[in-house]
Amino acid sequence: AGDFFGEGALMHPKKIRSASIRCVTPVHAIEISREYFEKYLATEEGAMLNLREKDRTRKRQRAKTILGMQSNMIEKNLQKGDYVFKRGEEGNEIYILEEGKVDISVDNHAVLSVQPGEMCGEHSLMLGRPRNVTAKCVSDECKLHGLRARDFYELLDSHPKMKAAIRD
Protein backbone atom coordinates (compact mmCIF):
# COMPACT_ATOMS: atom_id res chain seq x y z
CA ALA A 1 0.00 0.00 0.00
CA GLY A 2 1.25 3.46 -0.90
CA ASP A 3 3.94 2.24 -3.27
CA PHE A 4 3.98 2.75 -7.03
CA PHE A 5 5.04 0.83 -10.12
CA GLY A 6 5.17 1.28 -13.87
CA GLU A 7 7.24 4.46 -13.77
CA GLY A 8 10.12 2.76 -15.59
CA ALA A 9 8.17 2.60 -18.85
CA LEU A 10 7.22 6.26 -18.51
CA MET A 11 10.89 7.19 -18.14
CA HIS A 12 12.27 4.80 -20.80
CA PRO A 13 12.99 6.56 -24.12
CA LYS A 14 11.25 3.75 -26.06
CA LYS A 15 8.42 3.40 -23.48
CA ILE A 16 9.43 -0.22 -22.81
CA ARG A 17 8.41 -2.05 -19.65
CA SER A 18 11.12 -4.03 -17.85
CA ALA A 19 8.82 -6.27 -15.81
CA SER A 20 5.34 -7.71 -15.60
CA ILE A 21 3.11 -6.94 -12.64
CA ARG A 22 0.47 -9.41 -11.47
CA CYS A 23 -1.87 -8.89 -8.55
CA VAL A 24 -1.87 -11.67 -5.99
CA THR A 25 -4.54 -10.03 -3.81
CA PRO A 26 -7.33 -7.59 -4.62
CA VAL A 27 -5.79 -4.18 -5.35
CA HIS A 28 -7.10 -0.65 -5.59
CA ALA A 29 -4.76 1.29 -7.87
CA ILE A 30 -4.73 4.74 -9.39
CA GLU A 31 -3.53 5.11 -12.97
CA ILE A 32 -1.58 8.27 -13.79
CA SER A 33 -1.33 9.29 -17.42
CA ARG A 34 1.96 10.10 -19.11
CA GLU A 35 0.81 13.74 -19.38
CA TYR A 36 0.32 14.13 -15.61
CA PHE A 37 3.46 12.14 -14.86
CA GLU A 38 5.53 14.48 -17.04
CA LYS A 39 3.93 17.53 -15.39
CA TYR A 40 4.87 16.10 -12.00
CA LEU A 41 8.47 15.58 -13.09
CA ALA A 42 8.64 19.14 -14.44
CA THR A 43 7.43 20.69 -11.17
CA GLU A 44 9.09 18.48 -8.51
CA GLU A 45 12.80 19.08 -8.09
CA GLY A 46 14.74 15.82 -7.83
CA ALA A 47 11.73 13.66 -8.72
CA MET A 48 13.33 12.19 -11.86
CA LEU A 49 16.51 11.29 -9.99
CA ASN A 50 14.52 9.61 -7.19
CA LEU A 51 12.39 7.66 -9.65
CA ARG A 52 15.41 6.52 -11.67
CA GLU A 53 17.10 5.32 -8.50
CA LYS A 54 13.97 3.40 -7.45
CA ASP A 55 13.77 1.87 -10.95
CA ARG A 56 17.46 0.85 -10.78
CA THR A 57 16.96 -0.64 -7.33
CA ARG A 58 14.04 -2.75 -8.55
CA LYS A 59 15.98 -3.99 -11.59
CA ARG A 60 18.96 -4.87 -9.42
CA GLN A 61 16.68 -6.76 -7.01
CA ARG A 62 15.19 -8.75 -9.90
CA ALA A 63 18.70 -9.64 -11.10
CA LYS A 64 19.71 -10.76 -7.59
CA THR A 65 16.55 -12.87 -7.32
CA ILE A 66 17.25 -14.54 -10.67
CA LEU A 67 20.87 -15.21 -9.72
CA GLY A 68 19.92 -16.47 -6.26
CA MET A 69 17.55 -19.04 -7.77
CA GLN A 70 20.38 -20.75 -9.65
CA SER A 71 21.05 -24.25 -8.33
CA ASN A 72 24.74 -24.16 -9.27
CA MET A 73 25.78 -21.40 -6.85
CA ILE A 74 29.00 -22.12 -4.96
CA GLU A 75 29.50 -21.07 -1.35
CA LYS A 76 32.60 -19.10 -0.41
CA ASN A 77 33.47 -18.43 3.24
CA LEU A 78 36.12 -15.82 4.01
CA GLN A 79 37.76 -14.35 7.10
CA LYS A 80 38.55 -10.70 7.77
CA GLY A 81 41.28 -9.56 5.37
CA ASP A 82 40.64 -12.28 2.76
CA TYR A 83 40.10 -11.14 -0.81
CA VAL A 84 36.99 -12.01 -2.78
CA PHE A 85 38.93 -10.90 -5.87
CA LYS A 86 41.71 -8.47 -6.78
CA ARG A 87 41.94 -5.76 -9.39
CA GLY A 88 43.40 -7.11 -12.64
CA GLU A 89 42.24 -10.71 -12.13
CA GLU A 90 40.02 -12.41 -14.67
CA GLY A 91 36.37 -12.20 -13.70
CA ASN A 92 35.41 -15.84 -13.15
CA GLU A 93 32.43 -15.42 -10.80
CA ILE A 94 29.70 -13.05 -9.78
CA TYR A 95 28.90 -12.96 -6.05
CA ILE A 96 25.95 -12.30 -3.77
CA LEU A 97 26.98 -11.49 -0.21
CA GLU A 98 24.95 -13.46 2.33
CA GLU A 99 26.67 -12.44 5.57
CA GLY A 100 29.33 -9.92 6.53
CA LYS A 101 30.67 -6.84 4.81
CA VAL A 102 32.91 -6.53 1.74
CA ASP A 103 34.70 -3.32 0.81
CA ILE A 104 35.29 -2.50 -2.83
CA SER A 105 38.44 -0.46 -3.40
CA VAL A 106 40.62 1.03 -6.10
CA ASP A 107 44.31 1.51 -5.27
CA ASN A 108 43.59 0.90 -1.56
CA HIS A 109 40.88 3.59 -1.45
CA ALA A 110 37.46 2.23 -0.42
CA VAL A 111 34.78 3.33 -2.88
CA LEU A 112 31.84 1.11 -1.87
CA SER A 113 30.75 -1.31 0.84
CA VAL A 114 28.76 -4.39 -0.13
CA GLN A 115 26.10 -5.37 2.41
CA PRO A 116 24.23 -8.69 2.74
CA GLY A 117 21.91 -9.26 -0.22
CA GLU A 118 24.01 -7.15 -2.58
CA MET A 119 26.12 -8.28 -5.55
CA CYS A 120 29.71 -7.73 -6.55
CA GLY A 121 31.84 -8.86 -9.47
CA GLU A 122 29.18 -8.37 -12.13
CA HIS A 123 31.03 -5.62 -13.99
CA SER A 124 33.86 -7.75 -15.35
CA LEU A 125 31.51 -10.58 -16.31
CA MET A 126 29.08 -8.29 -18.13
CA LEU A 127 31.87 -6.48 -19.98
CA GLY A 128 34.24 -9.44 -20.41
CA ARG A 129 37.14 -7.50 -18.88
CA PRO A 130 39.52 -8.12 -15.97
CA ARG A 131 38.43 -6.91 -12.53
CA ASN A 132 38.67 -3.12 -12.25
CA VAL A 133 38.39 -3.11 -8.43
CA THR A 134 39.46 -5.16 -5.42
CA ALA A 135 36.88 -6.78 -3.12
CA LYS A 136 37.94 -7.66 0.44
CA CYS A 137 36.13 -9.11 3.46
CA VAL A 138 36.24 -6.46 6.22
CA SER A 139 33.97 -8.10 8.80
CA ASP A 140 35.03 -11.02 11.01
CA GLU A 141 33.53 -13.42 8.48
CA CYS A 142 31.96 -13.16 5.03
CA LYS A 143 29.70 -15.72 3.41
CA LEU A 144 29.16 -15.35 -0.33
CA HIS A 145 27.41 -17.33 -3.02
CA GLY A 146 29.10 -17.26 -6.38
CA LEU A 147 28.00 -18.13 -9.86
CA ARG A 148 30.76 -19.21 -12.23
CA ALA A 149 31.20 -17.26 -15.44
CA ARG A 150 30.16 -20.12 -17.72
CA ASP A 151 26.95 -20.65 -15.69
CA PHE A 152 26.31 -16.90 -15.70
CA TYR A 153 26.69 -16.78 -19.49
CA GLU A 154 24.36 -19.79 -19.86
CA LEU A 155 21.81 -17.91 -17.77
CA LEU A 156 22.18 -14.84 -20.00
CA ASP A 157 21.62 -16.99 -23.11
CA SER A 158 18.64 -18.86 -21.60
CA HIS A 159 16.11 -16.35 -22.92
CA PRO A 160 16.33 -13.67 -25.62
CA LYS A 161 15.56 -10.88 -23.11
CA MET A 162 17.60 -12.21 -20.17
CA LYS A 163 20.84 -10.44 -21.10
CA ALA A 164 19.09 -7.06 -21.33
CA ALA A 165 17.28 -7.66 -18.03
CA ILE A 166 20.47 -8.54 -16.16
CA ARG A 167 22.47 -5.77 -17.84
CA ASP A 168 19.79 -3.21 -16.83
C-alpha atoms as a PDB file:
ATOM      1  CA  ALA A   1       0.000   0.000   0.000  1.00  0.00           C
ATOM      2  CA  GLY A   2       1.254   3.457  -0.901  1.00  0.00           C
ATOM      3  CA  ASP A   3       3.940   2.240  -3.275  1.00  0.00           C
ATOM      4  CA  PHE A   4       3.980   2.751  -7.028  1.00  0.00           C
ATOM      5  CA  PHE A   5       5.039   0.829 -10.125  1.00  0.00           C
ATOM      6  CA  GLY A   6       5.174   1.284 -13.866  1.00  0.00           C
ATOM      7  CA  GLU A   7       7.244   4.456 -13.770  1.00  0.00           C
ATOM      8  CA  GLY A   8      10.125   2.760 -15.590  1.00  0.00           C
ATOM      9  CA  ALA A   9       8.172   2.598 -18.853  1.00  0.00           C
ATOM     10  CA  LEU A  10       7.221   6.259 -18.509  1.00  0.00           C
ATOM     11  CA  MET A  11      10.893   7.193 -18.145  1.00  0.00           C
ATOM     12  CA  HIS A  12      12.266   4.801 -20.800  1.00  0.00           C
ATOM     13  CA  PRO A  13      12.995   6.557 -24.122  1.00  0.00           C
ATOM     14  CA  LYS A  14      11.248   3.753 -26.061  1.00  0.00           C
ATOM     15  CA  LYS A  15       8.424   3.399 -23.478  1.00  0.00           C
ATOM     16  CA  ILE A  16       9.435  -0.223 -22.811  1.00  0.00           C
ATOM     17  CA  ARG A  17       8.409  -2.052 -19.654  1.00  0.00           C
ATOM     18  CA  SER A  18      11.115  -4.028 -17.848  1.00  0.00           C
ATOM     19  CA  ALA A  19       8.818  -6.272 -15.808  1.00  0.00           C
ATOM     20  CA  SER A  20       5.336  -7.715 -15.595  1.00  0.00           C
ATOM     21  CA  ILE A  21       3.106  -6.940 -12.637  1.00  0.00           C
ATOM     22  CA  ARG A  22       0.467  -9.409 -11.474  1.00  0.00           C
ATOM     23  CA  CYS A  23      -1.869  -8.890  -8.548  1.00  0.00           C
ATOM     24  CA  VAL A  24      -1.868 -11.670  -5.988  1.00  0.00           C
ATOM     25  CA  THR A  25      -4.541 -10.032  -3.811  1.00  0.00           C
ATOM     26  CA  PRO A  26      -7.332  -7.589  -4.622  1.00  0.00           C
ATOM     27  CA  VAL A  27      -5.787  -4.178  -5.351  1.00  0.00           C
ATOM     28  CA  HIS A  28      -7.099  -0.651  -5.590  1.00  0.00           C
ATOM     29  CA  ALA A  29      -4.763   1.287  -7.873  1.00  0.00           C
ATOM     30  CA  ILE A  30      -4.734   4.744  -9.394  1.00  0.00           C
ATOM     31  CA  GLU A  31      -3.526   5.115 -12.966  1.00  0.00           C
ATOM     32  CA  ILE A  32      -1.577   8.272 -13.793  1.00  0.00           C
ATOM     33  CA  SER A  33      -1.332   9.286 -17.423  1.00  0.00           C
ATOM     34  CA  ARG A  34       1.960  10.104 -19.111  1.00  0.00           C
ATOM     35  CA  GLU A  35       0.813  13.741 -19.377  1.00  0.00           C
ATOM     36  CA  TYR A  36       0.320  14.132 -15.606  1.00  0.00           C
ATOM     37  CA  PHE A  37       3.458  12.142 -14.864  1.00  0.00           C
ATOM     38  CA  GLU A  38       5.533  14.477 -17.040  1.00  0.00           C
ATOM     39  CA  LYS A  39       3.927  17.530 -15.385  1.00  0.00           C
ATOM     40  CA  TYR A  40       4.868  16.096 -12.000  1.00  0.00           C
ATOM     41  CA  LEU A  41       8.468  15.585 -13.094  1.00  0.00           C
ATOM     42  CA  ALA A  42       8.641  19.139 -14.435  1.00  0.00           C
ATOM     43  CA  THR A  43       7.432  20.688 -11.165  1.00  0.00           C
ATOM     44  CA  GLU A  44       9.089  18.480  -8.512  1.00  0.00           C
ATOM     45  CA  GLU A  45      12.803  19.078  -8.093  1.00  0.00           C
ATOM     46  CA  GLY A  46      14.745  15.816  -7.829  1.00  0.00           C
ATOM     47  CA  ALA A  47      11.733  13.658  -8.720  1.00  0.00           C
ATOM     48  CA  MET A  48      13.327  12.188 -11.859  1.00  0.00           C
ATOM     49  CA  LEU A  49      16.506  11.293  -9.987  1.00  0.00           C
ATOM     50  CA  ASN A  50      14.522   9.610  -7.187  1.00  0.00           C
ATOM     51  CA  LEU A  51      12.389   7.660  -9.648  1.00  0.00           C
ATOM     52  CA  ARG A  52      15.408   6.521 -11.668  1.00  0.00           C
ATOM     53  CA  GLU A  53      17.098   5.318  -8.499  1.00  0.00           C
ATOM     54  CA  LYS A  54      13.970   3.397  -7.454  1.00  0.00           C
ATOM     55  CA  ASP A  55      13.770   1.868 -10.946  1.00  0.00           C
ATOM     56  CA  ARG A  56      17.460   0.847 -10.783  1.00  0.00           C
ATOM     57  CA  THR A  57      16.962  -0.643  -7.331  1.00  0.00           C
ATOM     58  CA  ARG A  58      14.040  -2.746  -8.554  1.00  0.00           C
ATOM     59  CA  LYS A  59      15.976  -3.987 -11.592  1.00  0.00           C
ATOM     60  CA  ARG A  60      18.963  -4.871  -9.416  1.00  0.00           C
ATOM     61  CA  GLN A  61      16.682  -6.758  -7.007  1.00  0.00           C
ATOM     62  CA  ARG A  62      15.191  -8.752  -9.903  1.00  0.00           C
ATOM     63  CA  ALA A  63      18.700  -9.640 -11.097  1.00  0.00           C
ATOM     64  CA  LYS A  64      19.705 -10.764  -7.587  1.00  0.00           C
ATOM     65  CA  THR A  65      16.553 -12.874  -7.318  1.00  0.00           C
ATOM     66  CA  ILE A  66      17.245 -14.541 -10.669  1.00  0.00           C
ATOM     67  CA  LEU A  67      20.868 -15.214  -9.723  1.00  0.00           C
ATOM     68  CA  GLY A  68      19.915 -16.467  -6.263  1.00  0.00           C
ATOM     69  CA  MET A  69      17.549 -19.038  -7.770  1.00  0.00           C
ATOM     70  CA  GLN A  70      20.382 -20.748  -9.652  1.00  0.00           C
ATOM     71  CA  SER A  71      21.054 -24.249  -8.332  1.00  0.00           C
ATOM     72  CA  ASN A  72      24.739 -24.162  -9.271  1.00  0.00           C
ATOM     73  CA  MET A  73      25.777 -21.403  -6.854  1.00  0.00           C
ATOM     74  CA  ILE A  74      29.001 -22.117  -4.965  1.00  0.00           C
ATOM     75  CA  GLU A  75      29.504 -21.071  -1.355  1.00  0.00           C
ATOM     76  CA  LYS A  76      32.601 -19.097  -0.415  1.00  0.00           C
ATOM     77  CA  ASN A  77      33.475 -18.429   3.244  1.00  0.00           C
ATOM     78  CA  LEU A  78      36.124 -15.819   4.015  1.00  0.00           C
ATOM     79  CA  GLN A  79      37.757 -14.355   7.099  1.00  0.00           C
ATOM     80  CA  LYS A  80      38.549 -10.704   7.768  1.00  0.00           C
ATOM     81  CA  GLY A  81      41.279  -9.558   5.371  1.00  0.00           C
ATOM     82  CA  ASP A  82      40.636 -12.285   2.760  1.00  0.00           C
ATOM     83  CA  TYR A  83      40.097 -11.142  -0.808  1.00  0.00           C
ATOM     84  CA  VAL A  84      36.986 -12.014  -2.780  1.00  0.00           C
ATOM     85  CA  PHE A  85      38.932 -10.902  -5.869  1.00  0.00           C
ATOM     86  CA  LYS A  86      41.706  -8.474  -6.775  1.00  0.00           C
ATOM     87  CA  ARG A  87      41.943  -5.756  -9.394  1.00  0.00           C
ATOM     88  CA  GLY A  88      43.405  -7.105 -12.640  1.00  0.00           C
ATOM     89  CA  GLU A  89      42.243 -10.708 -12.127  1.00  0.00           C
ATOM     90  CA  GLU A  90      40.016 -12.409 -14.673  1.00  0.00           C
ATOM     91  CA  GLY A  91      36.366 -12.200 -13.704  1.00  0.00           C
ATOM     92  CA  ASN A  92      35.407 -15.839 -13.152  1.00  0.00           C
ATOM     93  CA  GLU A  93      32.429 -15.420 -10.798  1.00  0.00           C
ATOM     94  CA  ILE A  94      29.699 -13.047  -9.784  1.00  0.00           C
ATOM     95  CA  TYR A  95      28.900 -12.964  -6.052  1.00  0.00           C
ATOM     96  CA  ILE A  96      25.950 -12.301  -3.772  1.00  0.00           C
ATOM     97  CA  LEU A  97      26.983 -11.488  -0.211  1.00  0.00           C
ATOM     98  CA  GLU A  98      24.951 -13.463   2.330  1.00  0.00           C
ATOM     99  CA  GLU A  99      26.675 -12.438   5.568  1.00  0.00           C
ATOM    100  CA  GLY A 100      29.333  -9.924   6.533  1.00  0.00           C
ATOM    101  CA  LYS A 101      30.674  -6.836   4.811  1.00  0.00           C
ATOM    102  CA  VAL A 102      32.905  -6.526   1.744  1.00  0.00           C
ATOM    103  CA  ASP A 103      34.698  -3.320   0.810  1.00  0.00           C
ATOM    104  CA  ILE A 104      35.289  -2.503  -2.827  1.00  0.00           C
ATOM    105  CA  SER A 105      38.444  -0.457  -3.396  1.00  0.00           C
ATOM    106  CA  VAL A 106      40.622   1.025  -6.104  1.00  0.00           C
ATOM    107  CA  ASP A 107      44.310   1.513  -5.275  1.00  0.00           C
ATOM    108  CA  ASN A 108      43.586   0.896  -1.557  1.00  0.00           C
ATOM    109  CA  HIS A 109      40.880   3.586  -1.455  1.00  0.00           C
ATOM    110  CA  ALA A 110      37.465   2.228  -0.417  1.00  0.00           C
ATOM    111  CA  VAL A 111      34.776   3.326  -2.877  1.00  0.00           C
ATOM    112  CA  LEU A 112      31.842   1.113  -1.872  1.00  0.00           C
ATOM    113  CA  SER A 113      30.749  -1.306   0.838  1.00  0.00           C
ATOM    114  CA  VAL A 114      28.761  -4.385  -0.130  1.00  0.00           C
ATOM    115  CA  GLN A 115      26.101  -5.375   2.406  1.00  0.00           C
ATOM    116  CA  PRO A 116      24.227  -8.691   2.742  1.00  0.00           C
ATOM    117  CA  GLY A 117      21.915  -9.260  -0.220  1.00  0.00           C
ATOM    118  CA  GLU A 118      24.015  -7.149  -2.583  1.00  0.00           C
ATOM    119  CA  MET A 119      26.120  -8.275  -5.545  1.00  0.00           C
ATOM    120  CA  CYS A 120      29.708  -7.732  -6.551  1.00  0.00           C
ATOM    121  CA  GLY A 121      31.835  -8.856  -9.466  1.00  0.00           C
ATOM    122  CA  GLU A 122      29.183  -8.370 -12.125  1.00  0.00           C
ATOM    123  CA  HIS A 123      31.028  -5.619 -13.993  1.00  0.00           C
ATOM    124  CA  SER A 124      33.860  -7.751 -15.345  1.00  0.00           C
ATOM    125  CA  LEU A 125      31.508 -10.581 -16.309  1.00  0.00           C
ATOM    126  CA  MET A 126      29.084  -8.289 -18.130  1.00  0.00           C
ATOM    127  CA  LEU A 127      31.874  -6.477 -19.984  1.00  0.00           C
ATOM    128  CA  GLY A 128      34.242  -9.436 -20.412  1.00  0.00           C
ATOM    129  CA  ARG A 129      37.138  -7.504 -18.877  1.00  0.00           C
ATOM    130  CA  PRO A 130      39.515  -8.119 -15.966  1.00  0.00           C
ATOM    131  CA  ARG A 131      38.434  -6.913 -12.527  1.00  0.00           C
ATOM    132  CA  ASN A 132      38.671  -3.123 -12.248  1.00  0.00           C
ATOM    133  CA  VAL A 133      38.395  -3.107  -8.435  1.00  0.00           C
ATOM    134  CA  THR A 134      39.464  -5.165  -5.420  1.00  0.00           C
ATOM    135  CA  ALA A 135      36.883  -6.776  -3.117  1.00  0.00           C
ATOM    136  CA  LYS A 136      37.936  -7.655   0.436  1.00  0.00           C
ATOM    137  CA  CYS A 137      36.130  -9.108   3.463  1.00  0.00           C
ATOM    138  CA  VAL A 138      36.240  -6.459   6.217  1.00  0.00           C
ATOM    139  CA  SER A 139      33.970  -8.102   8.801  1.00  0.00           C
ATOM    140  CA  ASP A 140      35.032 -11.022  11.013  1.00  0.00           C
ATOM    141  CA  GLU A 141      33.527 -13.425   8.484  1.00  0.00           C
ATOM    142  CA  CYS A 142      31.964 -13.162   5.031  1.00  0.00           C
ATOM    143  CA  LYS A 143      29.700 -15.725   3.409  1.00  0.00           C
ATOM    144  CA  LEU A 144      29.155 -15.352  -0.328  1.00  0.00           C
ATOM    145  CA  HIS A 145      27.407 -17.333  -3.016  1.00  0.00           C
ATOM    146  CA  GLY A 146      29.097 -17.258  -6.377  1.00  0.00           C
ATOM    147  CA  LEU A 147      27.995 -18.134  -9.856  1.00  0.00           C
ATOM    148  CA  ARG A 148      30.764 -19.215 -12.233  1.00  0.00           C
ATOM    149  CA  ALA A 149      31.204 -17.255 -15.443  1.00  0.00           C
ATOM    150  CA  ARG A 150      30.156 -20.122 -17.716  1.00  0.00           C
ATOM    151  CA  ASP A 151      26.949 -20.649 -15.687  1.00  0.00           C
ATOM    152  CA  PHE A 152      26.312 -16.900 -15.695  1.00  0.00           C
ATOM    153  CA  TYR A 153      26.688 -16.783 -19.489  1.00  0.00           C
ATOM    154  CA  GLU A 154      24.360 -19.794 -19.864  1.00  0.00           C
ATOM    155  CA  LEU A 155      21.813 -17.907 -17.767  1.00  0.00           C
ATOM    156  CA  LEU A 156      22.180 -14.840 -20.004  1.00  0.00           C
ATOM    157  CA  ASP A 157      21.625 -16.991 -23.105  1.00  0.00           C
ATOM    158  CA  SER A 158      18.640 -18.856 -21.598  1.00  0.00           C
ATOM    159  CA  HIS A 159      16.111 -16.346 -22.916  1.00  0.00           C
ATOM    160  CA  PRO A 160      16.335 -13.667 -25.617  1.00  0.00           C
ATOM    161  CA  LYS A 161      15.556 -10.882 -23.110  1.00  0.00           C
ATOM    162  CA  MET A 162      17.603 -12.212 -20.170  1.00  0.00           C
ATOM    163  CA  LYS A 163      20.839 -10.436 -21.098  1.00  0.00           C
ATOM    164  CA  ALA A 164      19.094  -7.064 -21.327  1.00  0.00           C
ATOM    165  CA  ALA A 165      17.279  -7.662 -18.029  1.00  0.00           C
ATOM    166  CA  ILE A 166      20.465  -8.539 -16.156  1.00  0.00           C
ATOM    167  CA  ARG A 167      22.467  -5.769 -17.838  1.00  0.00           C
ATOM    168  CA  ASP A 168      19.789  -3.206 -16.834  1.00  0.00           C
END
